[in-house]
Protein backbone atom coordinates (compact mmCIF):
# COMPACT_ATOMS: atom_id res chain seq x y z
CA MET A 1 31.28 -3.40 43.27
CA LYS A 2 28.39 -6.36 43.88
CA LYS A 3 25.61 -3.25 43.95
CA ASN A 4 26.90 -1.83 41.21
CA GLY A 5 26.70 -4.93 39.22
CA LEU A 6 23.45 -5.52 40.59
CA ALA A 7 22.08 -2.00 39.39
CA LEU A 8 23.53 -2.87 36.07
CA LEU A 9 21.67 -5.91 35.73
CA VAL A 10 18.56 -3.81 36.83
CA ILE A 11 18.85 -1.69 34.09
CA ILE A 12 19.80 -3.86 31.37
CA PHE A 13 16.42 -6.49 32.67
CA PHE A 14 14.44 -2.66 32.50
CA LEU A 15 15.42 -2.02 28.88
CA LEU A 16 15.03 -6.14 27.71
CA SER A 17 11.72 -5.62 29.09
CA PHE A 18 10.60 -2.48 28.02
CA ARG A 19 11.60 -3.72 24.23
CA GLN A 20 9.96 -7.11 24.62
CA ALA A 21 6.81 -5.57 25.95
CA GLY A 22 6.51 -3.65 22.84
CA LYS A 23 6.41 -6.97 20.41
CA VAL A 24 3.09 -7.02 18.32
CA VAL A 25 1.40 -10.08 17.22
CA PHE A 26 0.16 -10.01 13.71
CA GLN A 27 -3.61 -10.09 13.25
CA PHE A 28 -6.17 -10.98 10.29
CA PRO A 29 -8.95 -12.71 9.23
CA ASP A 30 -9.39 -16.34 9.34
CA ILE A 31 -10.62 -16.18 6.01
CA PHE A 32 -7.32 -14.33 4.43
CA PRO A 33 -4.66 -16.81 3.20
CA ALA A 34 -1.19 -17.12 4.94
CA PRO A 35 0.71 -14.25 4.53
CA THR A 36 3.17 -14.26 2.36
CA TYR A 37 5.30 -11.45 4.08
CA ASP A 38 8.13 -13.34 6.44
CA PHE A 39 7.49 -11.74 10.12
CA THR A 40 10.46 -13.84 11.37
CA LYS A 41 13.36 -11.49 9.59
CA ASN A 42 11.26 -8.74 10.39
CA PRO A 43 8.68 -9.29 14.44
CA LEU A 44 6.49 -6.50 14.84
CA ASP A 45 7.27 -4.28 17.61
CA SER A 46 5.17 -1.36 18.75
CA ASN A 47 8.00 1.10 18.95
CA LYS A 48 8.91 -0.01 15.33
CA ILE A 49 6.06 0.80 14.14
CA GLU A 50 5.17 3.77 15.55
CA LEU A 51 8.81 5.01 14.35
CA GLY A 52 7.89 3.82 10.78
CA ARG A 53 4.39 6.21 10.76
CA LEU A 54 6.51 8.99 11.36
CA LEU A 55 9.23 8.19 9.16
CA PHE A 56 5.80 7.59 6.77
CA TYR A 57 4.53 11.42 7.48
CA ASP A 58 7.84 13.12 7.78
CA ALA A 59 9.30 15.02 4.36
CA ILE A 60 12.23 14.40 5.73
CA LEU A 61 12.86 11.51 3.06
CA SER A 62 12.79 13.75 0.28
CA LYS A 63 15.69 15.47 -1.37
CA ASP A 64 14.17 19.06 -0.69
CA ASN A 65 11.93 18.31 2.50
CA SER A 66 9.02 18.90 0.61
CA ILE A 67 7.53 15.30 -0.02
CA SER A 68 6.56 12.72 2.59
CA CYS A 69 5.54 9.10 1.78
CA SER A 70 2.06 10.05 2.16
CA THR A 71 2.00 13.13 -0.06
CA CYS A 72 0.65 10.13 -2.68
CA HIS A 73 -0.88 8.48 -0.22
CA SER A 74 -3.38 9.48 2.41
CA PRO A 75 -5.18 7.80 4.79
CA PHE A 76 -8.21 9.32 3.84
CA ASP A 77 -7.59 8.03 0.39
CA ALA A 78 -7.02 4.17 1.64
CA PHE A 79 -3.51 5.53 1.06
CA ALA A 80 -3.62 6.27 -2.42
CA HIS A 81 -4.35 9.97 -3.90
CA ASN A 82 -6.95 11.25 -5.46
CA ASP A 83 -7.24 14.71 -6.71
CA HIS A 84 -4.58 13.59 -9.87
CA GLN A 85 -3.75 10.90 -12.26
CA LEU A 86 -0.51 10.40 -11.78
CA SER A 87 2.11 10.97 -8.53
CA HIS A 88 3.48 14.35 -7.91
CA GLY A 89 7.40 14.96 -6.21
CA ILE A 90 9.29 17.45 -5.60
CA HIS A 91 9.78 20.69 -7.46
CA ASP A 92 6.45 20.43 -9.30
CA SER A 93 7.64 17.70 -11.11
CA ILE A 94 5.32 14.68 -12.04
CA GLY A 95 5.13 11.00 -12.28
CA ASN A 96 4.66 8.35 -14.95
CA ARG A 97 1.96 6.24 -12.57
CA ASN A 98 -1.23 6.43 -10.22
CA ALA A 99 -0.08 6.28 -6.77
CA PRO A 100 -1.67 2.89 -5.60
CA PRO A 101 -3.46 2.57 -2.29
CA LEU A 102 -1.66 1.06 0.68
CA PHE A 103 -3.52 -2.06 2.17
CA ASN A 104 -2.73 -5.65 3.26
CA LEU A 105 0.61 -5.52 2.01
CA ALA A 106 1.41 -8.55 3.62
CA TRP A 107 -0.05 -10.46 0.98
CA HIS A 108 2.01 -8.69 -1.72
CA SER A 109 4.54 -10.51 -3.29
CA SER A 110 5.66 -8.14 -5.75
CA PHE A 111 5.43 -4.41 -5.38
CA MET A 112 5.13 -1.31 -7.94
CA TRP A 113 2.53 -1.23 -11.03
CA ASP A 114 5.24 -3.20 -13.04
CA GLY A 115 6.42 -5.50 -10.14
CA ALA A 116 9.51 -4.20 -10.62
CA ILE A 117 10.16 -4.92 -6.01
CA ASN A 118 9.49 -8.24 -5.20
CA HIS A 119 10.11 -7.18 -1.45
CA LEU A 120 8.46 -4.93 1.17
CA ASP A 121 11.65 -4.32 2.67
CA MET A 122 13.26 -2.63 -0.24
CA GLN A 123 10.24 -1.02 -2.13
CA ALA A 124 10.53 2.50 -0.71
CA LEU A 125 14.17 2.86 -2.19
CA ALA A 126 11.84 3.38 -5.41
CA PRO A 127 10.43 6.65 -3.90
CA ILE A 128 12.99 8.08 -2.41
CA SER A 129 15.63 7.74 -5.01
CA SER A 130 13.36 8.55 -8.31
CA THR A 131 13.97 11.99 -9.22
CA THR A 132 10.14 12.43 -9.99
CA GLU A 133 9.18 11.45 -6.78
CA MET A 134 11.51 12.65 -3.35
CA GLY A 135 14.90 12.61 -5.46
CA ASP A 136 17.15 11.73 -2.70
CA ASN A 137 18.76 8.13 -1.74
CA ILE A 138 19.20 6.45 1.08
CA VAL A 139 22.67 7.12 2.28
CA ASN A 140 21.58 10.94 2.52
CA VAL A 141 18.56 9.90 4.03
CA VAL A 142 20.48 8.25 6.85
CA ASN A 143 22.55 11.29 7.66
CA LYS A 144 19.91 13.46 7.70
CA LEU A 145 17.92 10.81 10.12
CA GLN A 146 21.55 10.85 12.26
CA ASN A 147 21.58 14.30 12.84
CA ASP A 148 18.29 14.94 14.19
CA SER A 149 18.47 14.61 17.69
CA PHE A 150 14.74 13.88 17.58
CA TYR A 151 15.22 11.07 15.40
CA ARG A 152 19.11 10.00 17.35
CA SER A 153 16.16 9.70 20.52
CA LYS A 154 13.47 7.76 18.57
CA PHE A 155 15.81 4.87 17.14
CA TYR A 156 17.79 4.95 20.91
CA THR A 157 14.16 4.23 22.19
CA VAL A 158 13.67 1.36 19.72
CA TYR A 159 17.36 -0.35 19.08
CA GLY A 160 19.27 0.59 22.28
CA ASP A 161 21.05 2.29 20.38
CA SER A 162 21.18 6.06 18.39
CA ILE A 163 23.22 4.56 15.16
CA VAL A 164 20.48 4.82 11.97
CA THR A 165 21.15 2.33 9.00
CA GLY A 166 19.27 1.93 6.00
CA GLU A 167 18.02 -0.89 6.80
CA LYS A 168 16.82 -0.14 9.72
CA VAL A 169 14.82 3.14 8.01
CA LEU A 170 13.65 0.40 5.56
CA LYS A 171 12.12 -2.39 8.10
CA VAL A 172 11.01 -0.05 10.28
CA LEU A 173 8.75 2.03 7.51
CA SER A 174 7.30 -1.75 6.35
CA GLN A 175 6.66 -2.72 9.95
CA PHE A 176 3.89 0.72 9.50
CA GLN A 177 2.69 -0.39 5.90
CA LEU A 178 1.67 -4.34 7.48
CA THR A 179 -0.32 -2.73 10.30
CA LEU A 180 -2.32 -1.25 6.92
CA VAL A 181 -5.26 -4.20 7.22
CA SER A 182 -8.28 -3.70 5.74
CA ALA A 183 -10.90 -6.40 6.63
CA ASN A 184 -13.86 -4.76 8.12
CA SER A 185 -16.17 -3.87 5.11
CA LYS A 186 -19.65 -4.99 4.68
CA TYR A 187 -18.37 -7.75 2.81
CA ASP A 188 -16.27 -9.13 5.66
CA GLN A 189 -19.40 -8.35 8.07
CA VAL A 190 -21.60 -10.54 5.72
CA ILE A 191 -18.68 -13.45 5.05
CA ARG A 192 -18.61 -13.64 9.11
CA GLY A 193 -22.12 -13.59 8.99
CA GLU A 194 -22.56 -10.35 10.66
CA GLY A 195 -24.99 -8.40 7.68
CA ASP A 196 -26.84 -9.21 4.43
CA PHE A 197 -26.24 -8.07 0.98
CA THR A 198 -29.18 -6.65 -0.05
CA ASP A 199 -30.88 -7.54 -3.34
CA GLN A 200 -29.39 -5.49 -5.83
CA GLU A 201 -25.84 -6.18 -4.19
CA LEU A 202 -26.07 -9.61 -4.07
CA LYS A 203 -26.92 -10.05 -7.87
CA GLY A 204 -23.61 -7.71 -8.33
CA TYR A 205 -21.91 -10.39 -6.24
CA LYS A 206 -23.24 -13.18 -8.41
CA LEU A 207 -22.03 -11.32 -11.42
CA PHE A 208 -18.58 -10.62 -10.05
CA GLN A 209 -18.26 -14.32 -9.20
CA LYS A 210 -18.88 -14.61 -12.54
CA ASN A 211 -16.57 -12.20 -14.36
CA CYS A 212 -14.21 -10.78 -12.27
CA ASN A 213 -13.03 -13.34 -9.67
CA SER A 214 -10.14 -14.59 -11.91
CA CYS A 215 -8.15 -11.53 -11.60
CA HIS A 216 -9.78 -10.05 -8.27
CA GLN A 217 -9.75 -13.12 -6.42
CA GLU A 218 -11.37 -13.01 -3.04
CA PRO A 219 -11.09 -12.19 -0.24
CA LEU A 220 -8.37 -9.75 -1.18
CA PHE A 221 -9.61 -9.39 -4.13
CA SER A 222 -6.83 -9.67 -6.45
CA THR A 223 -4.16 -12.01 -6.91
CA TYR A 224 -1.62 -9.67 -7.40
CA GLU A 225 -0.46 -11.48 -10.22
CA LEU A 226 0.90 -9.49 -13.47
CA ALA A 227 -1.85 -8.80 -16.39
CA GLN A 228 -3.17 -7.25 -19.11
CA ASN A 229 -5.91 -4.47 -18.46
CA PHE A 230 -5.84 -3.82 -22.76
CA ILE A 231 -6.17 -0.10 -22.25
CA SER A 232 -4.44 2.16 -24.91
CA VAL A 233 -0.67 2.85 -24.10
CA ASP A 234 -0.58 6.71 -23.55
CA SER A 235 1.72 7.72 -26.19
CA SER A 236 3.00 10.88 -23.65
CA LEU A 237 4.09 8.29 -20.98
CA ASN A 238 5.00 5.04 -23.47
CA ASP A 239 4.39 2.79 -19.88
CA TYR A 240 4.97 -0.58 -21.17
CA GLY A 241 4.71 -1.94 -17.36
CA ASN A 242 6.74 -5.28 -17.09
CA GLY A 243 7.76 -5.88 -20.06
CA ALA A 244 10.21 -2.83 -19.98
CA ILE A 245 12.06 -4.24 -17.36
CA SER A 246 12.40 -8.11 -18.53
CA LYS A 247 12.84 -6.93 -22.10
CA LEU A 248 10.94 -9.73 -22.95
CA LYS A 249 7.73 -9.28 -25.60
CA GLU A 250 5.33 -11.47 -23.61
CA ASP A 251 6.27 -8.94 -20.60
CA SER A 252 5.00 -6.29 -22.31
CA LEU A 253 1.41 -4.78 -20.91
CA LEU A 254 1.39 -6.35 -18.02
CA PHE A 255 0.97 -4.70 -14.66
CA LYS A 256 0.10 -5.24 -11.65
CA ILE A 257 -3.48 -6.64 -10.57
CA PRO A 258 -5.00 -4.09 -8.14
CA SER A 259 -7.40 -4.98 -5.05
CA LEU A 260 -10.85 -3.79 -5.51
CA ARG A 261 -11.49 -3.37 -1.78
CA ASN A 262 -11.68 0.75 -1.09
CA LEU A 263 -12.46 1.78 -4.54
CA GLU A 264 -14.60 4.41 -3.16
CA TYR A 265 -11.70 6.09 -1.59
CA SER A 266 -8.89 5.16 -4.01
CA PHE A 267 -9.53 6.72 -7.53
CA PRO A 268 -8.67 7.46 -9.70
CA TYR A 269 -8.09 4.09 -11.42
CA MET A 270 -5.67 2.08 -13.48
CA HIS A 271 -1.54 2.30 -13.46
CA ASP A 272 -1.98 5.72 -15.37
CA GLY A 273 -5.26 7.29 -13.23
CA ARG A 274 -6.93 7.59 -16.60
CA PHE A 275 -10.06 6.67 -15.29
CA PHE A 276 -11.90 8.38 -12.71
CA GLU A 277 -15.29 6.59 -12.59
CA LEU A 278 -16.31 2.66 -11.66
CA ASP A 279 -18.68 3.20 -15.00
CA SER A 280 -15.48 4.42 -17.20
CA VAL A 281 -13.68 0.77 -15.91
CA LEU A 282 -16.59 -1.27 -16.47
CA ASN A 283 -17.47 0.42 -19.86
CA HIS A 284 -14.10 -0.22 -20.85
CA TYR A 285 -14.01 -3.97 -20.14
CA THR A 286 -17.60 -4.71 -21.52
CA SER A 287 -16.28 -2.78 -24.79
CA LYS A 288 -16.15 -4.26 -28.22
CA GLU A 289 -12.42 -3.93 -28.72
CA THR A 290 -11.70 -5.04 -24.84
CA LYS A 291 -13.50 -8.34 -25.58
CA LEU A 292 -12.14 -9.15 -28.42
CA ARG A 293 -8.48 -9.25 -26.95
CA PHE A 294 -9.80 -10.41 -23.70
CA LYS A 295 -10.60 -13.02 -26.01
CA LYS A 296 -7.47 -13.36 -28.02
CA ALA A 297 -5.37 -13.73 -24.66
CA GLY A 298 -7.48 -16.84 -23.40
CA TYR A 299 -9.71 -14.26 -20.99
CA GLN A 300 -13.40 -14.96 -20.42
CA LYS A 301 -15.22 -11.98 -22.15
CA ILE A 302 -17.22 -10.08 -20.09
CA ASN A 303 -20.59 -9.45 -20.84
CA LEU A 304 -22.87 -6.86 -19.01
CA SER A 305 -25.89 -5.04 -19.09
CA GLU A 306 -26.47 -1.12 -18.09
CA SER A 307 -28.71 -2.88 -15.05
CA ASN A 308 -25.65 -5.23 -14.35
CA LYS A 309 -23.21 -2.42 -14.45
CA VAL A 310 -25.15 -0.76 -11.59
CA ASP A 311 -25.68 -4.24 -9.49
CA LEU A 312 -21.64 -4.70 -9.90
CA ILE A 313 -21.17 -1.35 -8.70
CA SER A 314 -23.86 -1.77 -6.10
CA PHE A 315 -21.40 -4.83 -4.71
CA LEU A 316 -17.99 -3.28 -5.30
CA PHE A 317 -19.20 -0.49 -2.96
CA THR A 318 -19.69 -3.27 -0.35
CA LEU A 319 -16.01 -3.64 -0.43
CA ASN A 320 -15.25 -0.16 1.17
CA ASP A 321 -13.54 -0.21 5.01
CA LYS A 322 -15.09 2.87 6.57
CA GLU A 323 -13.21 1.71 9.59
CA PHE A 324 -9.93 1.92 7.59
CA VAL A 325 -9.97 4.55 6.58
CA PHE A 326 -10.93 6.72 8.86
CA ASP A 327 -8.74 4.68 11.96
CA GLU A 328 -6.63 7.38 13.98
CA LYS A 329 -4.20 4.93 14.65
CA HIS A 330 -2.68 5.51 11.09
CA ARG A 331 -3.05 8.97 10.92
CA PHE A 332 -0.71 12.18 10.63
CA PRO A 333 1.11 11.60 14.04
CA ARG A 334 0.46 14.48 16.66
CA GLU A 335 4.25 13.78 17.51
CA LEU A 336 5.92 14.91 14.40
CA LEU A 337 4.15 18.27 14.65
CA MET A 338 5.29 18.65 18.14
CA LYS A 339 8.85 17.82 16.24
CA TRP A 340 8.36 20.64 13.55
CA LYS A 341 7.28 23.00 15.88
CA GLY A 342 10.37 23.03 18.60
CA GLU A 343 8.36 21.47 21.66
């Protein structure tokens, strides 16, 4: 009995040590503010991150096993999509919004273009249950994963048991997405003293600070608050943003302010993806009509000459983080391909 008891203690110690060794410290630049995400309620763990990565790329989360998170959020597009304006879902359905890029999510206090979701751990429920996206529900997703021997094994490795729950699914998805930190653009390198802006980029930086920084604050290049973008309502979508949720007139046409990082990869722009070029975005914000609306709403008017626009775009391209976009740690996991092949 003593030998058996000792053996059992050794096994328990090994399992606990293995799980303890998976702990990951969330790292971010000194110039970034403190994250808003509460890691004490979902501590990062390398095994959970990898499980979340598998699920992110697996179409098992959709009703007909045809759509994964990565369908609309490709790593090569800074986890957005750039081949169409609006998101696409099961049965060739088309959503009513442009899929936003995914990075630096630990600093977001709300999610979705209308701010409808207030926690990253809950966000995945929206696309999973949307009839124009994954068209499923979390109960059915859990049942599919529970009946899949590959995922039963993975959940056992991570949690010490093979029981799949909705909470576990949502939290490991969050874990993978939390690791998508973009902070090594040319801008970041200049701020760290590892390089310099060109004269044109420096001119653009000054124009940015004067005209854009109130909504797209450094270093995240967004406040992640809700604001009007003053584009006309698309009559085919009738999207009124946060106002459709709150039912308050003052919230009508309020949309989440996106980050300006990785703009080269994350087009099209705006909640409905109507602009495919940065020139078009700047022309919108400097149009006579928009400037009048800005003034009426209490915003500072944006006045840019054509040469100013070229300088500003030159600076905005310093926010592109090529290392992040092509980081193999974030890409499709080979292990998932082996699962599909039955290897």
